PDB file of N, CA and C in Angstrom:
ATOM      1  N   MET A   1      11.241   7.753  11.271  1.00  0.00           N
ATOM      2  CA  MET A   1      12.181   6.963  10.507  1.00  0.00           C
ATOM      3  C   MET A   1      11.391   6.049   9.571  1.00  0.00           C
ATOM      4  N   LYS A   2      11.861   5.871   8.376  1.00  0.00           N
ATOM      5  CA  LYS A   2      11.209   5.027   7.378  1.00  0.00           C
ATOM      6  C   LYS A   2      12.057   3.792   7.125  1.00  0.00           C
ATOM      7  N   LYS A   3      11.392   2.704   6.759  1.00  0.00           N
ATOM      8  CA  LYS A   3      12.063   1.430   6.477  1.00  0.00           C
ATOM      9  C   LYS A   3      11.742   1.022   5.047  1.00  0.00           C
ATOM     10  N   ASN A   4      12.755   0.732   4.258  1.00  0.00           N
ATOM     11  CA  ASN A   4      12.547   0.207   2.909  1.00  0.00           C
ATOM     12  C   ASN A   4      12.240  -1.284   3.004  1.00  0.00           C
ATOM     13  N   VAL A   5      11.244  -1.729   2.258  1.00  0.00           N
ATOM     14  CA  VAL A   5      10.892  -3.146   2.228  1.00  0.00           C
ATOM     15  C   VAL A   5      10.757  -3.595   0.779  1.00  0.00           C
ATOM     16  N   THR A   6      10.946  -4.866   0.566  1.00  0.00           N
ATOM     17  CA  THR A   6      10.769  -5.459  -0.757  1.00  0.00           C
ATOM     18  C   THR A   6       9.605  -6.423  -0.687  1.00  0.00           C
ATOM     19  N   LEU A   7       8.670  -6.270  -1.602  1.00  0.00           N
ATOM     20  CA  LEU A   7       7.491  -7.134  -1.636  1.00  0.00           C
ATOM     21  C   LEU A   7       7.384  -7.787  -2.998  1.00  0.00           C
ATOM     22  N   LYS A   8       6.880  -8.996  -3.006  1.00  0.00           N
ATOM     23  CA  LYS A   8       6.588  -9.665  -4.266  1.00  0.00           C
ATOM     24  C   LYS A   8       5.081  -9.611  -4.463  1.00  0.00           C
ATOM     25  N   VAL A   9       4.682  -8.947  -5.553  1.00  0.00           N
ATOM     26  CA  VAL A   9       3.271  -8.744  -5.840  1.00  0.00           C
ATOM     27  C   VAL A   9       3.038  -9.084  -7.305  1.00  0.00           C
ATOM     28  N   ASP A  10       1.881  -9.638  -7.585  1.00  0.00           N
ATOM     29  CA  ASP A  10       1.519  -9.931  -8.971  1.00  0.00           C
ATOM     30  C   ASP A  10       1.682  -8.659  -9.809  1.00  0.00           C
ATOM     31  N   GLU A  11       2.396  -8.758 -10.912  1.00  0.00           N
ATOM     32  CA  GLU A  11       2.727  -7.586 -11.721  1.00  0.00           C
ATOM     33  C   GLU A  11       1.482  -6.874 -12.253  1.00  0.00           C
ATOM     34  N   LYS A  12       0.519  -7.628 -12.741  1.00  0.00           N
ATOM     35  CA  LYS A  12      -0.700  -7.036 -13.277  1.00  0.00           C
ATOM     36  C   LYS A  12      -1.463  -6.289 -12.181  1.00  0.00           C
ATOM     37  N   LEU A  13      -1.563  -6.893 -11.007  1.00  0.00           N
ATOM     38  CA  LEU A  13      -2.243  -6.276  -9.876  1.00  0.00           C
ATOM     39  C   LEU A  13      -1.530  -4.989  -9.455  1.00  0.00           C
ATOM     40  N   TYR A  14      -0.211  -5.032  -9.397  1.00  0.00           N
ATOM     41  CA  TYR A  14       0.567  -3.853  -9.024  1.00  0.00           C
ATOM     42  C   TYR A  14       0.352  -2.711 -10.018  1.00  0.00           C
ATOM     43  N   LYS A  15       0.378  -3.035 -11.308  1.00  0.00           N
ATOM     44  CA  LYS A  15       0.181  -2.003 -12.331  1.00  0.00           C
ATOM     45  C   LYS A  15      -1.211  -1.379 -12.213  1.00  0.00           C
ATOM     46  N   GLN A  16      -2.210  -2.199 -11.934  1.00  0.00           N
ATOM     47  CA  GLN A  16      -3.568  -1.683 -11.773  1.00  0.00           C
ATOM     48  C   GLN A  16      -3.647  -0.757 -10.553  1.00  0.00           C
ATOM     49  N   PHE A  17      -3.032  -1.177  -9.448  1.00  0.00           N
ATOM     50  CA  PHE A  17      -3.070  -0.363  -8.237  1.00  0.00           C
ATOM     51  C   PHE A  17      -2.292   0.928  -8.421  1.00  0.00           C
ATOM     52  N   ARG A  18      -1.172   0.847  -9.102  1.00  0.00           N
ATOM     53  CA  ARG A  18      -0.369   2.052  -9.360  1.00  0.00           C
ATOM     54  C   ARG A  18      -1.158   3.041 -10.217  1.00  0.00           C
ATOM     55  N   ALA A  19      -1.855   2.533 -11.225  1.00  0.00           N
ATOM     56  CA  ALA A  19      -2.681   3.402 -12.070  1.00  0.00           C
ATOM     57  C   ALA A  19      -3.805   4.033 -11.245  1.00  0.00           C
ATOM     58  N   TYR A  20      -4.402   3.235 -10.368  1.00  0.00           N
ATOM     59  CA  TYR A  20      -5.448   3.725  -9.461  1.00  0.00           C
ATOM     60  C   TYR A  20      -4.914   4.882  -8.618  1.00  0.00           C
ATOM     61  N   CYS A  21      -3.743   4.692  -8.039  1.00  0.00           N
ATOM     62  CA  CYS A  21      -3.133   5.722  -7.201  1.00  0.00           C
ATOM     63  C   CYS A  21      -2.761   6.953  -8.021  1.00  0.00           C
ATOM     64  N   ASP A  22      -2.192   6.744  -9.195  1.00  0.00           N
ATOM     65  CA  ASP A  22      -1.795   7.869 -10.048  1.00  0.00           C
ATOM     66  C   ASP A  22      -2.988   8.745 -10.403  1.00  0.00           C
ATOM     67  N   LYS A  23      -4.101   8.123 -10.739  1.00  0.00           N
ATOM     68  CA  LYS A  23      -5.302   8.878 -11.125  1.00  0.00           C
ATOM     69  C   LYS A  23      -5.836   9.715  -9.972  1.00  0.00           C
ATOM     70  N   ARG A  24      -5.581   9.278  -8.750  1.00  0.00           N
ATOM     71  CA  ARG A  24      -6.114   9.955  -7.573  1.00  0.00           C
ATOM     72  C   ARG A  24      -5.073  10.794  -6.836  1.00  0.00           C
ATOM     73  N   GLY A  25      -3.861  10.839  -7.383  1.00  0.00           N
ATOM     74  CA  GLY A  25      -2.799  11.618  -6.754  1.00  0.00           C
ATOM     75  C   GLY A  25      -2.298  10.995  -5.464  1.00  0.00           C
ATOM     76  N   LEU A  26      -2.363   9.670  -5.379  1.00  0.00           N
ATOM     77  CA  LEU A  26      -1.942   8.958  -4.177  1.00  0.00           C
ATOM     78  C   LEU A  26      -0.553   8.367  -4.362  1.00  0.00           C
ATOM     79  N   ILE A  27       0.111   8.098  -3.257  1.00  0.00           N
ATOM     80  CA  ILE A  27       1.429   7.466  -3.266  1.00  0.00           C
ATOM     81  C   ILE A  27       1.240   6.011  -2.845  1.00  0.00           C
ATOM     82  N   VAL A  28       1.725   5.089  -3.655  1.00  0.00           N
ATOM     83  CA  VAL A  28       1.531   3.658  -3.406  1.00  0.00           C
ATOM     84  C   VAL A  28       2.021   3.265  -2.023  1.00  0.00           C
ATOM     85  N   SER A  29       3.212   3.687  -1.652  1.00  0.00           N
ATOM     86  CA  SER A  29       3.771   3.285  -0.357  1.00  0.00           C
ATOM     87  C   SER A  29       2.945   3.830   0.810  1.00  0.00           C
ATOM     88  N   ARG A  30       2.398   5.029   0.646  1.00  0.00           N
ATOM     89  CA  ARG A  30       1.566   5.604   1.717  1.00  0.00           C
ATOM     90  C   ARG A  30       0.274   4.802   1.869  1.00  0.00           C
ATOM     91  N   GLN A  31      -0.281   4.326   0.764  1.00  0.00           N
ATOM     92  CA  GLN A  31      -1.492   3.514   0.824  1.00  0.00           C
ATOM     93  C   GLN A  31      -1.214   2.197   1.546  1.00  0.00           C
ATOM     94  N   PHE A  32      -0.023   1.658   1.335  1.00  0.00           N
ATOM     95  CA  PHE A  32       0.374   0.436   2.021  1.00  0.00           C
ATOM     96  C   PHE A  32       0.487   0.685   3.525  1.00  0.00           C
ATOM     97  N   GLU A  33       1.065   1.818   3.915  1.00  0.00           N
ATOM     98  CA  GLU A  33       1.166   2.172   5.335  1.00  0.00           C
ATOM     99  C   GLU A  33      -0.217   2.260   5.973  1.00  0.00           C
ATOM    100  N   ILE A  34      -1.137   2.926   5.288  1.00  0.00           N
ATOM    101  CA  ILE A  34      -2.500   3.071   5.803  1.00  0.00           C
ATOM    102  C   ILE A  34      -3.151   1.702   5.965  1.00  0.00           C
ATOM    103  N   PHE A  35      -2.977   0.825   4.990  1.00  0.00           N
ATOM    104  CA  PHE A  35      -3.524  -0.534   5.044  1.00  0.00           C
ATOM    105  C   PHE A  35      -2.996  -1.281   6.272  1.00  0.00           C
ATOM    106  N   ILE A  36      -1.693  -1.199   6.513  1.00  0.00           N
ATOM    107  CA  ILE A  36      -1.082  -1.883   7.656  1.00  0.00           C
ATOM    108  C   ILE A  36      -1.657  -1.346   8.975  1.00  0.00           C
ATOM    109  N   LYS A  37      -1.746  -0.020   9.089  1.00  0.00           N
ATOM    110  CA  LYS A  37      -2.292   0.584  10.304  1.00  0.00           C
ATOM    111  C   LYS A  37      -3.724   0.124  10.563  1.00  0.00           C
ATOM    112  N   GLN A  38      -4.529   0.043   9.507  1.00  0.00           N
ATOM    113  CA  GLN A  38      -5.917  -0.406   9.652  1.00  0.00           C
ATOM    114  C   GLN A  38      -5.977  -1.863  10.120  1.00  0.00           C
ATOM    115  N   LYS A  39      -5.151  -2.703   9.567  1.00  0.00           N
ATOM    116  CA  LYS A  39      -5.127  -4.116   9.959  1.00  0.00           C
ATOM    117  C   LYS A  39      -4.703  -4.270  11.417  1.00  0.00           C
ATOM    118  N   ILE A  40      -3.702  -3.502  11.816  1.00  0.00           N
ATOM    119  CA  ILE A  40      -3.214  -3.578  13.194  1.00  0.00           C
ATOM    120  C   ILE A  40      -4.295  -3.114  14.172  1.00  0.00           C
ATOM    121  N   SER A  41      -4.946  -2.002  13.841  1.00  0.00           N
ATOM    122  CA  SER A  41      -5.965  -1.480  14.757  1.00  0.00           C
ATOM    123  C   SER A  41      -7.165  -2.409  14.845  1.00  0.00           C
ATOM    124  N   LYS A  42      -7.547  -3.063  13.759  1.00  0.00           N
ATOM    125  CA  LYS A  42      -8.654  -4.026  13.781  1.00  0.00           C
ATOM    126  C   LYS A  42      -8.278  -5.266  14.583  1.00  0.00           C
ATOM    127  N   GLY A  43      -7.013  -5.640  14.523  1.00  0.00           N
ATOM    128  CA  GLY A  43      -6.547  -6.818  15.255  1.00  0.00           C
ATOM    129  C   GLY A  43      -6.471  -6.611  16.754  1.00  0.00           C
ATOM    130  N   ASN A  44      -6.404  -5.359  17.181  1.00  0.00           N
ATOM    131  CA  ASN A  44      -6.299  -5.051  18.617  1.00  0.00           C
ATOM    132  C   ASN A  44      -7.653  -4.844  19.266  1.00  0.00           C
ATOM    133  N   LYS A  45      -8.731  -5.027  18.523  1.00  0.00           N
ATOM    134  CA  LYS A  45     -10.069  -4.825  19.088  1.00  0.00           C
ATOM    135  C   LYS A  45     -10.620  -6.093  19.674  1.00  0.00           C
TER     136      LYS A  45
END
């Protein structure tokens, strides 16, 4: 199951990250999921 979330992010930073993802064939939301998982796993060590 997926959950929609709303985030407030600096517009310039978001555009840069989106361009980064587009160039590499990545999905922005998937990168966010990976980031969260990494933070959680580091916090449990």
